[in-house]
């Protein structure tokens, strides 16, 4: 089954869309039950949705923390 998930799973409070894939919580939860056509329709809308999310995660990511720790020694 095709999925847009890129393992950056955090919801933008302003838009309600996932920072990583652009789906809503409801869409993520119901994904496995959608038909192929329903999934394709949602996936077609994701690029435009991702343009509307604030691109900063609400919390520090593991990658950011590790980079910061390396830089500060």
N, C-alpha and C. Protein backbone atom coordinates (compact mmCIF):
# COMPACT_ATOMS: atom_id res chain seq x y z
N UNK A 1 0.83 -1.18 0.00
CA UNK A 1 0.00 0.00 0.00
C UNK A 1 0.88 1.24 0.00
N UNK A 2 0.60 2.15 -0.89
CA UNK A 2 1.37 3.39 -0.99
C UNK A 2 1.01 4.32 0.17
N UNK A 3 2.02 4.97 0.72
CA UNK A 3 1.82 5.91 1.81
C UNK A 3 2.79 7.08 1.64
N UNK A 4 2.34 8.30 1.97
CA UNK A 4 3.23 9.45 1.87
C UNK A 4 4.09 9.66 3.11
N UNK A 5 3.98 8.80 4.09
CA UNK A 5 4.69 8.96 5.36
C UNK A 5 6.20 8.97 5.14
N UNK A 6 6.87 9.97 5.76
CA UNK A 6 8.33 10.05 5.68
C UNK A 6 8.94 10.00 7.09
N UNK A 7 8.16 9.53 8.05
CA UNK A 7 8.60 9.34 9.43
C UNK A 7 8.97 10.64 10.14
N UNK A 8 8.34 11.73 9.73
CA UNK A 8 8.42 12.99 10.47
C UNK A 8 7.00 13.25 10.94
N UNK A 9 6.65 12.64 12.04
CA UNK A 9 5.25 12.60 12.46
C UNK A 9 4.98 13.60 13.58
N UNK A 10 4.58 14.79 13.18
CA UNK A 10 4.24 15.84 14.11
C UNK A 10 3.23 16.74 13.42
N UNK A 11 2.17 17.09 14.13
CA UNK A 11 1.09 17.86 13.54
C UNK A 11 1.29 19.35 13.78
N UNK A 12 1.15 20.13 12.71
CA UNK A 12 1.21 21.59 12.79
C UNK A 12 -0.08 22.07 13.45
N UNK A 13 0.03 22.76 14.58
CA UNK A 13 -1.15 23.22 15.31
C UNK A 13 -1.99 24.20 14.49
N UNK A 14 -1.35 24.99 13.66
CA UNK A 14 -2.06 26.01 12.90
C UNK A 14 -2.93 25.40 11.79
N UNK A 15 -2.38 24.46 11.04
CA UNK A 15 -3.11 23.89 9.89
C UNK A 15 -3.77 22.56 10.18
N UNK A 16 -3.24 21.82 11.14
CA UNK A 16 -3.74 20.47 11.40
C UNK A 16 -3.12 19.42 10.51
N UNK A 17 -2.12 19.81 9.72
CA UNK A 17 -1.46 18.87 8.82
C UNK A 17 -0.15 18.39 9.43
N UNK A 18 0.21 17.15 9.10
CA UNK A 18 1.49 16.59 9.53
C UNK A 18 2.62 17.33 8.83
N UNK A 19 3.67 17.69 9.59
CA UNK A 19 4.84 18.35 9.02
C UNK A 19 5.49 17.49 7.93
N UNK A 20 5.48 16.18 8.09
CA UNK A 20 6.17 15.29 7.17
C UNK A 20 5.40 14.97 5.91
N UNK A 21 4.13 14.57 6.07
CA UNK A 21 3.39 14.07 4.90
C UNK A 21 2.24 14.97 4.46
N UNK A 22 1.75 15.84 5.34
CA UNK A 22 0.67 16.73 4.97
C UNK A 22 -0.73 16.21 5.25
N UNK A 23 -0.82 14.99 5.78
CA UNK A 23 -2.15 14.46 6.09
C UNK A 23 -2.63 14.97 7.45
N UNK A 24 -3.95 14.88 7.65
CA UNK A 24 -4.53 15.21 8.95
C UNK A 24 -4.45 13.99 9.85
N UNK A 25 -4.69 14.19 11.14
CA UNK A 25 -4.71 13.04 12.07
C UNK A 25 -5.75 12.02 11.63
N UNK A 26 -6.93 12.50 11.24
CA UNK A 26 -8.00 11.58 10.82
C UNK A 26 -7.59 10.79 9.59
N UNK A 27 -6.93 11.45 8.63
CA UNK A 27 -6.49 10.75 7.42
C UNK A 27 -5.41 9.72 7.75
N UNK A 28 -4.51 10.06 8.63
CA UNK A 28 -3.46 9.12 9.02
C UNK A 28 -4.08 7.89 9.68
N UNK A 29 -5.02 8.13 10.58
CA UNK A 29 -5.67 7.02 11.29
C UNK A 29 -6.51 6.13 10.40
N UNK A 30 -7.12 6.70 9.38
CA UNK A 30 -8.02 5.95 8.50
C UNK A 30 -7.34 5.45 7.23
N UNK A 31 -6.07 5.75 7.06
CA UNK A 31 -5.36 5.48 5.80
C UNK A 31 -5.53 4.05 5.32
N UNK A 32 -5.38 3.10 6.21
CA UNK A 32 -5.43 1.69 5.80
C UNK A 32 -6.82 1.30 5.29
N UNK A 33 -7.86 2.02 5.73
CA UNK A 33 -9.21 1.70 5.31
C UNK A 33 -9.67 2.40 4.05
N UNK A 34 -8.89 3.36 3.56
CA UNK A 34 -9.26 4.09 2.35
C UNK A 34 -9.07 3.22 1.11
N UNK A 35 -9.87 3.49 0.10
CA UNK A 35 -9.69 2.81 -1.19
C UNK A 35 -8.47 3.42 -1.88
N UNK A 36 -7.99 2.76 -2.92
CA UNK A 36 -6.86 3.29 -3.68
C UNK A 36 -7.20 4.68 -4.24
N UNK A 37 -8.43 4.86 -4.71
CA UNK A 37 -8.84 6.14 -5.28
C UNK A 37 -8.85 7.23 -4.21
N UNK A 38 -9.32 6.91 -3.01
CA UNK A 38 -9.33 7.89 -1.92
C UNK A 38 -7.90 8.29 -1.54
N UNK A 39 -7.01 7.31 -1.46
CA UNK A 39 -5.61 7.61 -1.14
C UNK A 39 -4.97 8.48 -2.22
N UNK A 40 -5.25 8.17 -3.48
CA UNK A 40 -4.69 8.97 -4.58
C UNK A 40 -5.20 10.41 -4.52
N UNK A 41 -6.48 10.59 -4.22
CA UNK A 41 -7.04 11.95 -4.13
C UNK A 41 -6.37 12.75 -3.01
N UNK A 42 -6.17 12.11 -1.87
CA UNK A 42 -5.51 12.79 -0.75
C UNK A 42 -4.07 13.10 -1.12
N UNK A 43 -3.37 12.13 -1.71
CA UNK A 43 -1.97 12.34 -2.06
C UNK A 43 -1.81 13.47 -3.09
N UNK A 44 -2.79 13.65 -3.95
CA UNK A 44 -2.72 14.73 -4.92
C UNK A 44 -2.80 16.10 -4.24
N UNK A 45 -3.46 16.16 -3.08
CA UNK A 45 -3.61 17.43 -2.36
C UNK A 45 -2.43 17.74 -1.45
N UNK A 46 -1.59 16.77 -1.17
CA UNK A 46 -0.53 16.95 -0.18
C UNK A 46 0.51 18.02 -0.52
N UNK A 47 1.00 18.13 -1.74
CA UNK A 47 2.00 19.17 -2.02
C UNK A 47 1.49 20.57 -1.67
N UNK A 48 0.24 20.89 -2.01
CA UNK A 48 -0.31 22.20 -1.70
C UNK A 48 -0.46 22.38 -0.20
N UNK A 49 -0.86 21.33 0.49
CA UNK A 49 -0.99 21.40 1.94
C UNK A 49 0.36 21.68 2.61
N UNK A 50 1.38 20.98 2.15
CA UNK A 50 2.70 21.15 2.76
C UNK A 50 3.24 22.56 2.58
N UNK A 51 2.78 23.26 1.57
CA UNK A 51 3.18 24.66 1.38
C UNK A 51 2.60 25.55 2.48
N UNK A 52 1.54 25.10 3.14
CA UNK A 52 0.86 25.93 4.14
C UNK A 52 1.34 25.68 5.57
N UNK A 53 2.06 24.59 5.80
CA UNK A 53 2.49 24.31 7.18
C UNK A 53 3.71 25.13 7.54
N UNK A 54 3.79 25.46 8.80
CA UNK A 54 4.98 26.13 9.31
C UNK A 54 6.07 25.09 9.29
N UNK A 55 7.17 25.37 8.65
CA UNK A 55 8.20 24.36 8.44
C UNK A 55 9.12 24.11 9.62
N UNK A 56 8.80 24.65 10.78
CA UNK A 56 9.62 24.39 11.96
C UNK A 56 8.88 23.42 12.87
N UNK A 57 9.49 22.31 13.23
CA UNK A 57 8.84 21.41 14.18
C UNK A 57 8.62 22.12 15.52
N UNK A 58 7.61 21.70 16.24
CA UNK A 58 7.30 22.30 17.53
C UNK A 58 8.35 21.99 18.58
N UNK A 59 9.08 20.93 18.39
CA UNK A 59 10.10 20.56 19.37
C UNK A 59 11.40 20.24 18.64
N UNK A 60 12.47 20.22 19.38
CA UNK A 60 13.77 19.92 18.79
C UNK A 60 13.79 18.46 18.33
N UNK A 61 14.22 18.24 17.10
CA UNK A 61 14.32 16.89 16.59
C UNK A 61 15.62 16.24 17.05
N UNK A 62 15.69 14.95 16.96
CA UNK A 62 16.89 14.21 17.36
C UNK A 62 18.09 14.66 16.53
N UNK A 63 17.86 14.82 15.22
CA UNK A 63 18.95 15.23 14.33
C UNK A 63 19.48 16.60 14.73
N UNK A 64 18.57 17.54 15.02
CA UNK A 64 18.98 18.89 15.43
C UNK A 64 19.75 18.85 16.74
N UNK A 65 19.26 18.07 17.68
CA UNK A 65 19.93 17.96 18.98
C UNK A 65 21.32 17.38 18.83
N UNK A 66 21.47 16.35 18.02
CA UNK A 66 22.78 15.72 17.84
C UNK A 66 23.75 16.69 17.17
N UNK A 67 23.28 17.45 16.20
CA UNK A 67 24.12 18.45 15.55
C UNK A 67 24.56 19.51 16.54
N UNK A 68 23.61 20.00 17.33
CA UNK A 68 23.92 21.03 18.33
C UNK A 68 24.94 20.50 19.32
N UNK A 69 24.79 19.27 19.79
CA UNK A 69 25.71 18.69 20.77
C UNK A 69 27.10 18.52 20.17
N UNK A 70 27.18 18.15 18.90
CA UNK A 70 28.49 18.02 18.25
C UNK A 70 29.19 19.37 18.14
N UNK A 71 28.41 20.39 17.81
CA UNK A 71 28.99 21.71 17.62
C UNK A 71 29.45 22.35 18.92
N UNK A 72 28.75 22.04 20.02
CA UNK A 72 29.09 22.66 21.30
C UNK A 72 30.10 21.81 22.07
N UNK A 73 30.34 20.62 21.58
CA UNK A 73 31.40 19.78 22.17
C UNK A 73 30.97 19.03 23.32
